[in-house]
C-alpha atoms as a PDB file:
ATOM      1  CA  MET A   1      15.861  20.487   4.657  1.00  0.00           C
ATOM      2  CA  PRO A   2      12.613  20.926   2.662  1.00  0.00           C
ATOM      3  CA  PRO A   3      10.376  17.808   1.633  1.00  0.00           C
ATOM      4  CA  ILE A   4      11.294  16.804  -1.650  1.00  0.00           C
ATOM      5  CA  PRO A   5       8.464  17.262  -4.185  1.00  0.00           C
ATOM      6  CA  PRO A   6       6.970  14.551  -5.544  1.00  0.00           C
ATOM      7  CA  LEU A   7       7.640  13.499  -9.567  1.00  0.00           C
ATOM      8  CA  PHE A   8       3.993  13.053  -9.665  1.00  0.00           C
ATOM      9  CA  THR A   9       0.823  12.409  -8.034  1.00  0.00           C
ATOM     10  CA  LEU A  10      -2.261  10.060  -9.135  1.00  0.00           C
ATOM     11  CA  PRO A  11      -5.695  10.077  -7.952  1.00  0.00           C
ATOM     12  CA  ILE A  12      -7.399   6.794  -6.690  1.00  0.00           C
ATOM     13  CA  GLN A  13     -11.118   7.226  -6.531  1.00  0.00           C
ATOM     14  CA  PRO A  14     -13.030   8.244  -4.209  1.00  0.00           C
ATOM     15  CA  ASN A  15      -9.915   9.862  -1.743  1.00  0.00           C
ATOM     16  CA  GLY A  16      -6.940   7.833  -2.782  1.00  0.00           C
ATOM     17  CA  ARG A  17      -3.635   8.772  -4.018  1.00  0.00           C
ATOM     18  CA  ILE A  18      -0.647   7.289  -5.457  1.00  0.00           C
ATOM     19  CA  THR A  19       2.897   9.561  -5.005  1.00  0.00           C
ATOM     20  CA  CYS A  20       6.024   8.611  -6.502  1.00  0.00           C
ATOM     21  CA  THR A  21       9.222  10.184  -4.788  1.00  0.00           C
ATOM     22  CA  GLN A  22      12.633   9.134  -5.473  1.00  0.00           C
ATOM     23  CA  SER A  23      14.405   7.911  -2.037  1.00  0.00           C
ATOM     24  CA  SER A  24      17.895   8.281  -4.197  1.00  0.00           C
ATOM     25  CA  PRO A  25      18.469   8.632  -7.809  1.00  0.00           C
ATOM     26  CA  ARG A  26      16.906   5.774 -10.014  1.00  0.00           C
ATOM     27  CA  ILE A  27      14.750   4.128  -6.958  1.00  0.00           C
ATOM     28  CA  TYR A  28      11.279   5.510  -7.653  1.00  0.00           C
ATOM     29  CA  ILE A  29       8.717   5.059  -4.776  1.00  0.00           C
ATOM     30  CA  LEU A  30       5.498   4.449  -5.844  1.00  0.00           C
ATOM     31  CA  THR A  31       3.164   5.245  -2.401  1.00  0.00           C
ATOM     32  CA  PHE A  32      -0.525   4.584  -2.530  1.00  0.00           C
ATOM     33  CA  GLU A  33      -3.109   5.128  -0.064  1.00  0.00           C
ATOM     34  CA  SER A  34      -6.445   3.735  -0.432  1.00  0.00           C
ATOM     35  CA  PRO A  35      -8.263   4.157   2.806  1.00  0.00           C
ATOM     36  CA  PRO A  36      -9.634   2.363   4.710  1.00  0.00           C
ATOM     37  CA  ASP A  37      -6.984  -0.520   3.834  1.00  0.00           C
ATOM     38  CA  ASN A  38      -6.084  -0.117   0.438  1.00  0.00           C
ATOM     39  CA  ARG A  39      -8.706  -2.292  -1.814  1.00  0.00           C
ATOM     40  CA  LEU A  40      -7.568  -3.066  -5.143  1.00  0.00           C
ATOM     41  CA  THR A  41     -10.804  -1.139  -6.603  1.00  0.00           C
ATOM     42  CA  PRO A  42     -10.591  -0.591 -10.643  1.00  0.00           C
ATOM     43  CA  SER A  43      -9.110   2.820  -9.977  1.00  0.00           C
ATOM     44  CA  PHE A  44      -6.942   1.688  -7.659  1.00  0.00           C
ATOM     45  CA  CYS A  45      -5.423  -0.587 -10.509  1.00  0.00           C
ATOM     46  CA  ASN A  46      -5.613   1.956 -13.049  1.00  0.00           C
ATOM     47  CA  SER A  47      -4.147   4.528 -10.840  1.00  0.00           C
ATOM     48  CA  PHE A  48      -0.960   2.143 -10.448  1.00  0.00           C
ATOM     49  CA  LEU A  49      -1.035   1.093 -13.907  1.00  0.00           C
ATOM     50  CA  LEU A  50      -0.490   4.558 -15.524  1.00  0.00           C
ATOM     51  CA  ALA A  51       2.459   5.510 -12.496  1.00  0.00           C
ATOM     52  CA  LEU A  52       4.121   2.441 -13.885  1.00  0.00           C
ATOM     53  CA  ASP A  53       3.538   3.271 -17.402  1.00  0.00           C
ATOM     54  CA  ILE A  54       5.033   6.795 -16.619  1.00  0.00           C
ATOM     55  CA  LEU A  55       8.018   5.245 -15.034  1.00  0.00           C
ATOM     56  CA  ASP A  56       8.916   3.284 -17.951  1.00  0.00           C
ATOM     57  CA  HIS A  57       8.037   5.914 -20.572  1.00  0.00           C
ATOM     58  CA  ARG A  58       8.887   9.086 -19.199  1.00  0.00           C
ATOM     59  CA  PHE A  59      12.191   8.286 -16.482  1.00  0.00           C
ATOM     60  CA  GLN A  60      15.366   6.531 -16.909  1.00  0.00           C
ATOM     61  CA  LYS A  61      15.300   3.223 -16.184  1.00  0.00           C
ATOM     62  CA  GLY A  62      16.479   2.241 -12.219  1.00  0.00           C
ATOM     63  CA  VAL A  63      14.509   0.316  -9.634  1.00  0.00           C
ATOM     64  CA  VAL A  64      10.492   0.530  -8.600  1.00  0.00           C
ATOM     65  CA  VAL A  65       9.776   0.526  -5.142  1.00  0.00           C
ATOM     66  CA  THR A  66       5.216   0.291  -4.324  1.00  0.00           C
ATOM     67  CA  THR A  67       4.897   0.630  -0.616  1.00  0.00           C
ATOM     68  CA  SER A  68       1.412   1.862   1.262  1.00  0.00           C
ATOM     69  CA  ARG A  69       1.047   4.799   3.310  1.00  0.00           C
ATOM     70  CA  ILE A  70      -1.199   3.341   5.449  1.00  0.00           C
ATOM     71  CA  GLN A  71       0.903   1.431   7.916  1.00  0.00           C
ATOM     72  CA  LYS A  72      -1.276  -1.410   8.378  1.00  0.00           C
ATOM     73  CA  PHE A  73      -1.700  -3.197   5.440  1.00  0.00           C
ATOM     74  CA  TYR A  74      -0.028  -3.207   1.875  1.00  0.00           C
ATOM     75  CA  SER A  75      -3.190  -3.733   0.686  1.00  0.00           C
ATOM     76  CA  ASN A  76      -6.167  -5.913   2.090  1.00  0.00           C
ATOM     77  CA  GLY A  77      -7.078  -7.678  -1.500  1.00  0.00           C
ATOM     78  CA  LEU A  78     -10.198  -7.143  -3.595  1.00  0.00           C
ATOM     79  CA  ASP A  79     -13.474  -5.564  -2.659  1.00  0.00           C
ATOM     80  CA  TYR A  80     -14.605  -9.038  -3.414  1.00  0.00           C
ATOM     81  CA  GLU A  81     -18.349  -8.544  -4.152  1.00  0.00           C
ATOM     82  CA  SER A  82     -18.220  -5.792  -6.616  1.00  0.00           C
ATOM     83  CA  ALA A  83     -15.206  -7.785  -8.387  1.00  0.00           C
ATOM     84  CA  VAL A  84     -17.150 -10.776  -8.893  1.00  0.00           C
ATOM     85  CA  LYS A  85     -20.547  -8.593 -10.044  1.00  0.00           C
ATOM     86  CA  GLU A  86     -18.292  -6.567 -12.378  1.00  0.00           C
ATOM     87  CA  GLY A  87     -17.408 -10.289 -13.680  1.00  0.00           C
ATOM     88  CA  GLU A  88     -14.684  -9.984 -16.864  1.00  0.00           C
ATOM     89  CA  ARG A  89     -14.890  -5.985 -16.980  1.00  0.00           C
ATOM     90  CA  PHE A  90     -12.721  -6.130 -13.959  1.00  0.00           C
ATOM     91  CA  TRP A  91     -10.212  -9.121 -14.394  1.00  0.00           C
ATOM     92  CA  GLY A  92      -9.252  -8.523 -17.888  1.00  0.00           C
ATOM     93  CA  GLY A  93      -9.818  -4.765 -17.628  1.00  0.00           C
ATOM     94  CA  SER A  94      -8.259  -3.580 -14.519  1.00  0.00           C
ATOM     95  CA  LEU A  95      -6.718  -6.467 -12.185  1.00  0.00           C
ATOM     96  CA  TYR A  96      -5.271  -8.464 -14.932  1.00  0.00           C
ATOM     97  CA  PRO A  97      -3.668  -5.735 -16.912  1.00  0.00           C
ATOM     98  CA  LEU A  98      -1.690  -4.135 -13.728  1.00  0.00           C
ATOM     99  CA  TRP A  99      -0.939  -8.050 -12.496  1.00  0.00           C
ATOM    100  CA  ARG A 100       0.514  -8.638 -16.106  1.00  0.00           C
ATOM    101  CA  ARG A 101       2.829  -5.454 -15.972  1.00  0.00           C
ATOM    102  CA  LEU A 102       4.129  -5.907 -12.828  1.00  0.00           C
ATOM    103  CA  LEU A 103       5.405  -9.161 -13.873  1.00  0.00           C
ATOM    104  CA  THR A 104       7.161  -8.224 -16.694  1.00  0.00           C
ATOM    105  CA  TYR A 105       7.947  -5.407 -16.070  1.00  0.00           C
ATOM    106  CA  PRO A 106      11.333  -3.682 -17.736  1.00  0.00           C
ATOM    107  CA  MET A 107      12.994  -2.590 -14.377  1.00  0.00           C
ATOM    108  CA  PRO A 108      13.579  -4.506 -11.342  1.00  0.00           C
ATOM    109  CA  THR A 109      10.150  -4.082  -9.321  1.00  0.00           C
ATOM    110  CA  ILE A 110      10.015  -4.640  -5.097  1.00  0.00           C
ATOM    111  CA  ALA A 111       7.276  -4.337  -2.875  1.00  0.00           C
ATOM    112  CA  LEU A 112       7.854  -3.244   0.423  1.00  0.00           C
ATOM    113  CA  LEU A 113       5.570  -4.130   2.763  1.00  0.00           C
ATOM    114  CA  PRO A 114       4.691  -2.071   5.915  1.00  0.00           C
ATOM    115  CA  GLY A 115       1.828  -4.043   7.121  1.00  0.00           C
ATOM    116  CA  HIS A 116      -0.693  -6.742   6.031  1.00  0.00           C
ATOM    117  CA  ALA A 117      -0.764  -8.253   2.406  1.00  0.00           C
ATOM    118  CA  PHE A 118      -3.911 -10.250   2.182  1.00  0.00           C
ATOM    119  CA  ALA A 119      -5.756 -12.148  -0.634  1.00  0.00           C
ATOM    120  CA  ALA A 120      -5.270 -10.249  -3.969  1.00  0.00           C
ATOM    121  CA  GLY A 121      -2.953  -8.228  -2.135  1.00  0.00           C
ATOM    122  CA  PHE A 122      -0.104 -10.531  -0.994  1.00  0.00           C
ATOM    123  CA  MET A 123      -0.633 -11.681  -5.086  1.00  0.00           C
ATOM    124  CA  THR A 124      -0.125  -8.369  -6.647  1.00  0.00           C
ATOM    125  CA  ALA A 125       3.048  -8.051  -3.537  1.00  0.00           C
ATOM    126  CA  MET A 126       4.233 -11.933  -5.641  1.00  0.00           C
ATOM    127  CA  MET A 127       3.719 -10.425  -8.714  1.00  0.00           C
ATOM    128  CA  HIS A 128       7.150  -8.124  -8.333  1.00  0.00           C
ATOM    129  CA  ASP A 129      10.565  -9.363  -8.400  1.00  0.00           C
ATOM    130  CA  TYR A 130      11.440  -9.203  -4.564  1.00  0.00           C
ATOM    131  CA  ARG A 131       9.445  -8.470  -1.214  1.00  0.00           C
ATOM    132  CA  LEU A 132      10.783  -6.858   2.130  1.00  0.00           C
ATOM    133  CA  MET A 133       8.430  -6.650   4.592  1.00  0.00           C
ATOM    134  CA  ASN A 134       8.544  -4.790   8.453  1.00  0.00           C
ATOM    135  CA  PRO A 135       9.671  -7.472  10.599  1.00  0.00           C
ATOM    136  CA  HIS A 136       7.662  -5.830  13.432  1.00  0.00           C
ATOM    137  CA  ARG A 137       4.141  -5.596  11.883  1.00  0.00           C
ATOM    138  CA  GLY A 138       1.867  -7.421   9.813  1.00  0.00           C
ATOM    139  CA  PHE A 139       0.916 -10.816   8.178  1.00  0.00           C
ATOM    140  CA  LEU A 140       1.245 -12.377   4.908  1.00  0.00           C
ATOM    141  CA  CYS A 141      -2.113 -14.935   3.912  1.00  0.00           C
ATOM    142  CA  LEU A 142      -4.373 -16.150   1.889  1.00  0.00           C
ATOM    143  CA  ASN A 143      -7.353 -16.109   2.837  1.00  0.00           C
ATOM    144  CA  GLU A 144      -9.881 -17.125   0.088  1.00  0.00           C
ATOM    145  CA  ILE A 145     -11.000 -20.249   1.891  1.00  0.00           C
ATOM    146  CA  ASP A 146     -12.423 -18.320   4.669  1.00  0.00           C
ATOM    147  CA  PHE A 147     -14.855 -16.233   2.762  1.00  0.00           C
ATOM    148  CA  GLY A 148     -15.748 -19.169   0.340  1.00  0.00           C
ATOM    149  CA  ALA A 149     -13.902 -17.633  -2.742  1.00  0.00           C
ATOM    150  CA  PRO A 150     -12.050 -20.102  -5.457  1.00  0.00           C
ATOM    151  CA  LEU A 151      -8.858 -19.222  -6.975  1.00  0.00           C
ATOM    152  CA  LYS A 152      -8.502 -18.159 -10.548  1.00  0.00           C
ATOM    153  CA  SER A 153      -6.177 -19.925 -12.749  1.00  0.00           C
ATOM    154  CA  PRO A 154      -3.112 -17.116 -12.341  1.00  0.00           C
ATOM    155  CA  MET A 155      -4.282 -16.334  -8.398  1.00  0.00           C
ATOM    156  CA  ALA A 156      -2.663 -20.192  -8.139  1.00  0.00           C
ATOM    157  CA  SER A 157      -0.175 -20.151 -11.066  1.00  0.00           C
ATOM    158  CA  ILE A 158       1.837 -17.363  -9.207  1.00  0.00           C
ATOM    159  CA  PHE A 159       2.317 -19.117  -5.865  1.00  0.00           C
ATOM    160  CA  ARG A 160       3.396 -22.135  -7.869  1.00  0.00           C
ATOM    161  CA  GLN A 161       5.935 -20.546  -9.778  1.00  0.00           C
ATOM    162  CA  LYS A 162       6.919 -18.743  -7.137  1.00  0.00           C
ATOM    163  CA  VAL A 163       6.872 -20.277  -3.908  1.00  0.00           C
ATOM    164  CA  PRO A 164       9.470 -22.691  -3.210  1.00  0.00           C
ATOM    165  CA  ASN A 165       8.285 -25.631  -1.242  1.00  0.00           C
ATOM    166  CA  PRO A 166       4.873 -27.273  -1.912  1.00  0.00           C
ATOM    167  CA  ASN A 167       4.290 -27.987   1.421  1.00  0.00           C
ATOM    168  CA  THR A 168       3.908 -24.209   2.022  1.00  0.00           C
ATOM    169  CA  PHE A 169       1.998 -23.637  -1.062  1.00  0.00           C
ATOM    170  CA  ARG A 170      -0.910 -26.012   0.130  1.00  0.00           C
ATOM    171  CA  THR A 171      -0.360 -24.623   3.892  1.00  0.00           C
ATOM    172  CA  MET A 172      -1.015 -20.838   2.648  1.00  0.00           C
ATOM    173  CA  ILE A 173      -4.214 -22.022   0.454  1.00  0.00           C
ATOM    174  CA  LEU A 174      -5.669 -24.851   2.175  1.00  0.00           C
ATOM    175  CA  GLU A 175      -5.484 -23.614   5.777  1.00  0.00           C
ATOM    176  CA  SER A 176      -5.131 -20.345   5.232  1.00  0.00           C
ATOM    177  CA  LYS A 177      -2.212 -19.737   7.365  1.00  0.00           C
ATOM    178  CA  ARG A 178      -1.080 -16.237   8.215  1.00  0.00           C
ATOM    179  CA  TYR A 179       3.038 -15.568   7.895  1.00  0.00           C
ATOM    180  CA  GLY A 180       4.641 -13.071   9.823  1.00  0.00           C
ATOM    181  CA  ALA A 181       7.868 -11.229   8.639  1.00  0.00           C
ATOM    182  CA  LEU A 182      10.581 -13.802   9.768  1.00  0.00           C
ATOM    183  CA  GLU A 183       8.714 -17.334   8.644  1.00  0.00           C
ATOM    184  CA  GLY A 184       7.949 -15.827   5.341  1.00  0.00           C
ATOM    185  CA  LEU A 185      11.546 -14.880   4.899  1.00  0.00           C
ATOM    186  CA  LYS A 186      12.273 -18.291   5.946  1.00  0.00           C
ATOM    187  CA  GLU A 187       9.854 -19.919   3.435  1.00  0.00           C
ATOM    188  CA  GLY A 188      10.795 -17.997   0.719  1.00  0.00           C
ATOM    189  CA  LEU A 189       8.131 -15.773   1.025  1.00  0.00           C
ATOM    190  CA  VAL A 190       9.629 -12.030   1.358  1.00  0.00           C
ATOM    191  CA  ASP A 191      13.732 -11.475   0.007  1.00  0.00           C
ATOM    192  CA  GLY A 192      14.285  -9.304   3.314  1.00  0.00           C
ATOM    193  CA  LEU A 193      13.019  -7.389   6.107  1.00  0.00           C
ATOM    194  CA  GLY A 194      13.027  -4.148   7.127  1.00  0.00           C
ATOM    195  CA  ASP A 195      11.458  -0.791   5.879  1.00  0.00           C
ATOM    196  CA  MET A 196      13.323   1.624   2.660  1.00  0.00           C
ATOM    197  CA  GLU A 197      16.732   2.502   4.409  1.00  0.00           C
ATOM    198  CA  GLU A 198      17.035  -1.912   4.491  1.00  0.00           C
ATOM    199  CA  VAL A 199      15.539  -1.651   0.459  1.00  0.00           C
ATOM    200  CA  VAL A 200      18.411   1.113  -0.522  1.00  0.00           C
ATOM    201  CA  VAL A 201      20.877  -1.137   0.803  1.00  0.00           C
ATOM    202  CA  PHE A 202      19.288  -4.576  -0.883  1.00  0.00           C
ATOM    203  CA  VAL A 203      19.363  -2.181  -4.614  1.00  0.00           C
ATOM    204  CA  LYS A 204      22.620  -1.757  -4.108  1.00  0.00           C
ATOM    205  CA  GLU A 205      23.551  -5.374  -2.501  1.00  0.00           C
ATOM    206  CA  MET A 206      21.925  -6.697  -5.412  1.00  0.00           C
ATOM    207  CA  GLY A 207      23.177  -4.480  -8.493  1.00  0.00           C
ATOM    208  CA  LEU A 208      19.664  -3.531  -9.567  1.00  0.00           C
ATOM    209  CA  LEU A 209      19.768  -0.341 -10.489  1.00  0.00           C
ATOM    210  CA  ASP A 210      21.413  -0.763 -14.124  1.00  0.00           C
ATOM    211  CA  ARG A 211      19.560  -4.114 -14.546  1.00  0.00           C
ATOM    212  CA  GLY A 212      16.729  -2.646 -16.861  1.00  0.00           C
ATOM    213  CA  LYS A 213      19.555  -0.861 -19.271  1.00  0.00           C
ATOM    214  CA  THR A 214      20.046  -3.272 -21.942  1.00  0.00           C
ATOM    215  CA  GLY A 215      16.435  -3.728 -22.487  1.00  0.00           C
ATOM    216  CA  VAL A 216      15.501  -7.492 -22.308  1.00  0.00           C
ATOM    217  CA  TYR A 217      14.622  -7.469 -19.001  1.00  0.00           C
ATOM    218  CA  GLY A 218      10.914  -7.382 -18.811  1.00  0.00           C
ATOM    219  CA  ARG A 219      11.304  -9.797 -21.733  1.00  0.00           C
ATOM    220  CA  LEU A 220      13.389 -12.420 -19.581  1.00  0.00           C
ATOM    221  CA  LYS A 221      10.472 -12.170 -16.934  1.00  0.00           C
ATOM    222  CA  GLN A 222       8.101 -12.470 -19.781  1.00  0.00           C
ATOM    223  CA  GLU A 223       9.948 -16.329 -20.578  1.00  0.00           C
ATOM    224  CA  MET A 224      10.816 -16.808 -17.063  1.00  0.00           C
ATOM    225  CA  TRP A 225       6.563 -16.540 -15.373  1.00  0.00           C
ATOM    226  CA  GLY A 226       5.495 -17.919 -18.944  1.00  0.00           C
ATOM    227  CA  GLU A 227       2.673 -19.871 -17.405  1.00  0.00           C
ATOM    228  CA  THR A 228       1.123 -17.245 -15.355  1.00  0.00           C
ATOM    229  CA  VAL A 229       1.461 -14.476 -18.339  1.00  0.00           C
ATOM    230  CA  LYS A 230      -0.558 -16.794 -20.612  1.00  0.00           C
ATOM    231  CA  LEU A 231      -3.139 -16.670 -17.740  1.00  0.00           C
ATOM    232  CA  LEU A 232      -3.226 -13.384 -17.184  1.00  0.00           C
ATOM    233  CA  ASP A 233      -3.314 -12.830 -21.258  1.00  0.00           C
ATOM    234  CA  THR A 234      -6.611 -15.123 -22.240  1.00  0.00           C
ATOM    235  CA  VAL A 235      -9.195 -13.867 -19.756  1.00  0.00           C
ATOM    236  CA  GLU A 236     -12.149 -14.793 -22.032  1.00  0.00           C
ATOM    237  CA  GLU A 237     -10.535 -18.374 -22.020  1.00  0.00           C
ATOM    238  CA  GLY A 238     -10.230 -18.752 -18.052  1.00  0.00           C
ATOM    239  CA  GLU A 239     -13.522 -17.628 -16.944  1.00  0.00           C
ATOM    240  CA  ARG A 240     -15.249 -19.903 -20.035  1.00  0.00           C
ATOM    241  CA  ARG A 241     -12.743 -22.709 -18.062  1.00  0.00           C
ATOM    242  CA  GLY A 242     -14.219 -21.596 -14.891  1.00  0.00           C
ATOM    243  CA  GLU A 243     -17.920 -21.851 -15.781  1.00  0.00           C
ATOM    244  CA  ARG A 244     -16.991 -25.820 -17.485  1.00  0.00           C
ATOM    245  CA  GLU A 245     -15.157 -26.582 -13.783  1.00  0.00           C
ATOM    246  CA  MET A 246     -18.228 -25.323 -11.901  1.00  0.00           C
ATOM    247  CA  GLU A 247     -20.918 -27.220 -14.136  1.00  0.00           C
ATOM    248  CA  GLU A 248     -18.526 -30.549 -14.073  1.00  0.00           C
ATOM    249  CA  TYR A 249     -18.211 -29.566 -10.014  1.00  0.00           C
ATOM    250  CA  SER A 250     -21.727 -29.590  -9.861  1.00  0.00           C
ATOM    251  CA  ARG A 251     -22.369 -32.260 -12.031  1.00  0.00           C
ATOM    252  CA  ARG A 252     -20.024 -35.020  -9.923  1.00  0.00           C
ATOM    253  CA  GLN A 253     -22.033 -33.504  -6.537  1.00  0.00           C
ATOM    254  CA  GLU A 254     -25.277 -34.584  -8.135  1.00  0.00           C
ATOM    255  CA  GLU A 255     -23.576 -38.415  -9.234  1.00  0.00           C
ATOM    256  CA  GLU A 256     -22.051 -38.236  -5.525  1.00  0.00           C
ATOM    257  CA  GLN A 257     -25.630 -37.751  -3.774  1.00  0.00           C
ATOM    258  CA  MET A 258     -27.161 -40.395  -6.358  1.00  0.00           C
ATOM    259  CA  ARG A 259     -24.709 -42.695  -5.263  1.00  0.00           C
ATOM    260  CA  VAL A 260     -25.119 -42.116  -1.482  1.00  0.00           C
ATOM    261  CA  GLU A 261     -28.993 -42.463  -1.855  1.00  0.00           C
ATOM    262  CA  ASP A 262     -28.555 -45.777  -3.315  1.00  0.00           C
ATOM    263  CA  TRP A 263     -26.477 -47.114  -0.875  1.00  0.00           C
ATOM    264  CA  GLU A 264     -28.972 -46.062   1.441  1.00  0.00           C
ATOM    265  CA  ARG A 265     -32.227 -47.466  -0.270  1.00  0.00           C
ATOM    266  CA  GLN A 266     -30.062 -50.585  -0.465  1.00  0.00           C
ATOM    267  CA  ASN A 267     -29.182 -50.465   3.048  1.00  0.00           C
ATOM    268  CA  LEU A 268     -32.323 -49.430   4.603  1.00  0.00           C
ATOM    269  CA  GLY A 269     -33.577 -51.438   7.785  1.00  0.00           C
ATOM    270  CA  GLY A 270     -30.555 -53.680   7.441  1.00  0.00           C
ATOM    271  CA  SER A 271     -26.795 -52.942   9.118  1.00  0.00           C
ATOM    272  CA  SER A 272     -24.059 -51.335   7.277  1.00  0.00           C
ATOM    273  CA  LYS A 273     -20.938 -52.975   6.551  1.00  0.00           C
ATOM    274  CA  LEU A 274     -18.932 -49.682   6.589  1.00  0.00           C
END
């Protein structure tokens, strides 16, 4: 049997693409490939967002599955230095609009994870309604602590809202633990294990194909995840709040340093009682 032609293909600069196919009627598969590891660049985010818009406005309601042709990675996160350099233009112009669209999408969304989902790649998967993971390869990990990156408010919020166990939330962020598929399933980070065949079974068992037909699916999700949606919608306010928090953090550090220096002066030449 000849291969089924894609419904559409969109470029990701400089040498990637997103391809939309159907595994069965109304199960739309968005497969991205942006070597080497599907970094969430502006071009990646904007093409992903456009693909979601095309499916919403030009095709029957069904289920959207996102996955990677690069089997080692779903996504390895941001191009962090570039994201920091671009600042608000990146957060508000590329990444957050994509996350908001996924989080409130008017059809069920499933992230099919063939391999690693790290940092913002993991966050992108969490913006979907469901996650299925390859049982034999890949880890889920928030490793911001390892490269000195603070979590922005919506990044923390989505895990606070969706991770069932607060101890898991703590371990993910403060220990950068890597969760394999079986442990991810146990902790509620993924909803199932397998590949596309298992996704099709999951869709049928969960009765997802017609969930978007009544027109309220996206609105219900917007209310469910209101905390994160609001944070994604207020980029400028969030950036200003972050700047104020950094200033306050610096001020507190100066006060703490002064207290230590005062203690040292008072105890110079004497014995400490501590």
